[in-house]
C-alpha atoms as a PDB file:
ATOM      1  CA  MET A   1       0.000   0.000   0.000  1.00  0.00           C
ATOM      2  CA  SER A   2       1.407   3.351  -1.031  1.00  0.00           C
ATOM      3  CA  PHE A   3       0.842   6.517   0.930  1.00  0.00           C
ATOM      4  CA  LEU A   4       1.925   8.740  -1.967  1.00  0.00           C
ATOM      5  CA  PRO A   5      -1.629   9.522  -3.218  1.00  0.00           C
ATOM      6  CA  TYR A   6      -2.743  10.353   0.316  1.00  0.00           C
ATOM      7  CA  MET A   7       0.241  12.655   0.771  1.00  0.00           C
ATOM      8  CA  ALA A   8      -0.486  14.303  -2.594  1.00  0.00           C
ATOM      9  CA  ALA A   9      -4.116  14.867  -1.561  1.00  0.00           C
ATOM     10  CA  PHE A  10      -2.982  16.368   1.751  1.00  0.00           C
ATOM     11  CA  TYR A  11      -0.452  18.572  -0.068  1.00  0.00           C
ATOM     12  CA  LEU A  12      -3.134  19.883  -2.454  1.00  0.00           C
ATOM     13  CA  LEU A  13      -5.437  20.476   0.511  1.00  0.00           C
ATOM     14  CA  CYS A  14      -2.764  22.502   2.314  1.00  0.00           C
ATOM     15  CA  ILE A  15      -1.921  24.555  -0.794  1.00  0.00           C
ATOM     16  CA  GLY A  16      -5.593  25.328  -1.382  1.00  0.00           C
ATOM     17  CA  LEU A  17      -6.234  26.288   2.239  1.00  0.00           C
ATOM     18  CA  TYR A  18      -3.126  28.486   2.377  1.00  0.00           C
ATOM     19  CA  GLY A  19      -4.132  30.196  -0.863  1.00  0.00           C
ATOM     20  CA  ILE A  20      -7.656  30.884   0.393  1.00  0.00           C
ATOM     21  CA  VAL A  21      -6.436  32.278   3.713  1.00  0.00           C
ATOM     22  CA  SER A  22      -3.715  34.476   2.216  1.00  0.00           C
ATOM     23  CA  SER A  23      -5.587  35.632  -0.894  1.00  0.00           C
ATOM     24  CA  ARG A  24      -6.051  39.309  -1.741  1.00  0.00           C
ATOM     25  CA  SER A  25      -8.162  38.668  -4.830  1.00  0.00           C
ATOM     26  CA  LEU A  26     -11.537  37.008  -5.211  1.00  0.00           C
ATOM     27  CA  ILE A  27     -10.437  35.312  -8.456  1.00  0.00           C
ATOM     28  CA  HIS A  28      -7.367  33.909  -6.705  1.00  0.00           C
ATOM     29  CA  THR A  29      -9.642  32.647  -3.932  1.00  0.00           C
ATOM     30  CA  ALA A  30     -11.889  30.896  -6.470  1.00  0.00           C
ATOM     31  CA  PHE A  31      -8.946  29.120  -8.097  1.00  0.00           C
ATOM     32  CA  CYS A  32      -7.501  28.143  -4.715  1.00  0.00           C
ATOM     33  CA  LEU A  33     -10.879  26.614  -3.885  1.00  0.00           C
ATOM     34  CA  PHE A  34     -10.631  24.682  -7.156  1.00  0.00           C
ATOM     35  CA  ILE A  35      -7.215  23.356  -6.073  1.00  0.00           C
ATOM     36  CA  LEU A  36      -8.666  22.455  -2.688  1.00  0.00           C
ATOM     37  CA  GLN A  37     -11.464  20.528  -4.381  1.00  0.00           C
ATOM     38  CA  SER A  38      -8.895  18.758  -6.569  1.00  0.00           C
ATOM     39  CA  SER A  39      -7.512  17.129  -3.449  1.00  0.00           C
ATOM     40  CA  THR A  40     -10.800  15.240  -3.133  1.00  0.00           C
ATOM     41  CA  TYR A  41     -10.312  13.738  -6.621  1.00  0.00           C
ATOM     42  CA  VAL A  42      -6.926  12.386  -5.645  1.00  0.00           C
ATOM     43  CA  LEU A  43      -8.256  11.100  -2.328  1.00  0.00           C
ATOM     44  CA  LEU A  44     -11.223   9.326  -3.921  1.00  0.00           C
ATOM     45  CA  ILE A  45      -9.019   7.758  -6.601  1.00  0.00           C
ATOM     46  CA  ALA A  46      -6.581   6.595  -3.900  1.00  0.00           C
ATOM     47  CA  ILE A  47      -9.418   5.056  -1.901  1.00  0.00           C
ATOM     48  CA  GLY A  48     -10.890   3.271  -4.920  1.00  0.00           C
ATOM     49  CA  PHE A  49      -7.587   1.943  -6.268  1.00  0.00           C
ATOM     50  CA  VAL A  50      -7.255  -1.855  -6.403  1.00  0.00           C
ATOM     51  CA  HIS A  51      -3.871  -3.317  -7.322  1.00  0.00           C
ATOM     52  CA  HIS A  52      -4.313  -5.440 -10.467  1.00  0.00           C
ATOM     53  CA  GLY A  53      -8.003  -4.559 -10.423  1.00  0.00           C
ATOM     54  CA  ARG A  54     -10.172  -5.465 -13.348  1.00  0.00           C
ATOM     55  CA  PRO A  55     -13.451  -4.038 -14.615  1.00  0.00           C
ATOM     56  CA  PRO A  56     -16.374  -5.197 -12.472  1.00  0.00           C
ATOM     57  CA  VAL A  57     -17.758  -7.728 -14.950  1.00  0.00           C
ATOM     58  CA  PHE A  58     -18.604 -11.011 -13.288  1.00  0.00           C
ATOM     59  CA  MET A  59     -19.574 -14.133 -15.254  1.00  0.00           C
ATOM     60  CA  PRO A  60     -20.876 -17.390 -13.889  1.00  0.00           C
ATOM     61  CA  GLY A  61     -18.240 -20.092 -13.821  1.00  0.00           C
ATOM     62  CA  ARG A  62     -15.279 -17.660 -13.794  1.00  0.00           C
ATOM     63  CA  PRO A  63     -13.287 -17.029 -10.646  1.00  0.00           C
ATOM     64  CA  ALA A  64     -13.918 -13.713  -8.905  1.00  0.00           C
ATOM     65  CA  LEU A  65     -10.846 -11.557  -9.493  1.00  0.00           C
ATOM     66  CA  PRO A  66     -10.187  -8.283  -7.687  1.00  0.00           C
ATOM     67  CA  ALA A  67     -12.460  -5.676  -9.241  1.00  0.00           C
ATOM     68  CA  VAL A  68     -12.416  -1.905  -9.146  1.00  0.00           C
ATOM     69  CA  ASP A  69     -15.454  -0.269  -7.556  1.00  0.00           C
ATOM     70  CA  PRO A  70     -17.249   1.839 -10.209  1.00  0.00           C
ATOM     71  CA  VAL A  71     -19.046   3.908  -7.548  1.00  0.00           C
ATOM     72  CA  VAL A  72     -15.801   5.704  -6.678  1.00  0.00           C
ATOM     73  CA  GLN A  73     -15.269   6.599 -10.329  1.00  0.00           C
ATOM     74  CA  ALA A  74     -18.798   7.981 -10.524  1.00  0.00           C
ATOM     75  CA  GLN A  75     -18.150  10.032  -7.381  1.00  0.00           C
ATOM     76  CA  VAL A  76     -15.006  11.527  -8.924  1.00  0.00           C
ATOM     77  CA  LEU A  77     -16.906  12.503 -12.083  1.00  0.00           C
ATOM     78  CA  THR A  78     -19.669  14.053  -9.981  1.00  0.00           C
ATOM     79  CA  ASP A  79     -17.078  15.905  -7.908  1.00  0.00           C
ATOM     80  CA  ILE A  80     -15.441  17.307 -11.074  1.00  0.00           C
ATOM     81  CA  ILE A  81     -18.785  18.580 -12.380  1.00  0.00           C
ATOM     82  CA  ILE A  82     -19.707  20.172  -9.052  1.00  0.00           C
ATOM     83  CA  SER A  83     -16.259  21.759  -8.767  1.00  0.00           C
ATOM     84  CA  ALA A  84     -16.516  23.286 -12.247  1.00  0.00           C
ATOM     85  CA  ALA A  85     -19.987  24.649 -11.478  1.00  0.00           C
ATOM     86  CA  VAL A  86     -18.875  26.156  -8.150  1.00  0.00           C
ATOM     87  CA  THR A  87     -15.802  27.748  -9.733  1.00  0.00           C
ATOM     88  CA  GLY A  88     -17.893  29.195 -12.564  1.00  0.00           C
ATOM     89  CA  LEU A  89     -20.404  30.598 -10.083  1.00  0.00           C
ATOM     90  CA  LEU A  90     -17.668  32.180  -7.968  1.00  0.00           C
ATOM     91  CA  ILE A  91     -16.048  33.776 -11.035  1.00  0.00           C
ATOM     92  CA  ALA A  92     -19.449  35.148 -12.122  1.00  0.00           C
ATOM     93  CA  LEU A  93     -20.063  36.574  -8.635  1.00  0.00           C
ATOM     94  CA  THR A  94     -16.575  38.097  -8.652  1.00  0.00           C
ATOM     95  CA  LEU A  95     -17.228  39.796 -11.992  1.00  0.00           C
ATOM     96  CA  GLU A  96     -20.554  41.130 -10.711  1.00  0.00           C
ATOM     97  CA  ASN A  97     -18.812  42.424  -7.594  1.00  0.00           C
ATOM     98  CA  TYR A  98     -16.191  44.104  -9.799  1.00  0.00           C
ATOM     99  CA  LYS A  99     -18.914  45.816 -11.840  1.00  0.00           C
ATOM    100  CA  ARG A 100     -20.552  47.174  -8.687  1.00  0.00           C
ATOM    101  CA  THR A 101     -17.515  48.123  -6.600  1.00  0.00           C
ATOM    102  CA  GLY A 102     -14.651  48.411  -9.115  1.00  0.00           C
ATOM    103  CA  SER A 103     -12.405  46.068  -7.104  1.00  0.00           C
ATOM    104  CA  ILE A 104     -11.817  42.347  -6.727  1.00  0.00           C
ATOM    105  CA  ASN A 105     -10.120  42.799  -3.365  1.00  0.00           C
ATOM    106  CA  PRO A 106     -12.300  41.135  -0.707  1.00  0.00           C
ATOM    107  CA  ASN A 107     -11.281  43.737   1.871  1.00  0.00           C
ATOM    108  CA  LYS A 108     -12.714  46.577  -0.228  1.00  0.00           C
ATOM    109  CA  ARG A 109     -16.218  45.178  -0.580  1.00  0.00           C
ATOM    110  CA  HIS A 110     -19.056  47.365   0.550  1.00  0.00           C
ATOM    111  CA  ALA A 111     -22.273  46.235   2.159  1.00  0.00           C
ATOM    112  CA  MET A 112     -24.783  45.225  -0.490  1.00  0.00           C
ATOM    113  CA  LYS A 113     -27.889  47.368  -0.540  1.00  0.00           C
ATOM    114  CA  GLY A 114     -31.132  45.714  -1.542  1.00  0.00           C
END
């Protein structure tokens, strides 16, 4: 068992968290969140990995070989789609904030008036 994918996921998580905490731009924050969400892809792939795993096709009369779980692959695809949608929404909100305030610095935001 290799701990390299788990370390890579933790490394991506730390980079994303550091970028979000130290960011001075809303666009930079959105992309750091994307990096943070990428750590979940690596973690899910590491969890679902089976050494010498085969596709999960079972036939009667054939021995059961180690098979890869397709649910983990579906979760990764769902996570990628959700991550792209969240990043797109954050970029759209950042552009709307820039149109209203003239700045993408989160410290210079004004209270929204309804």
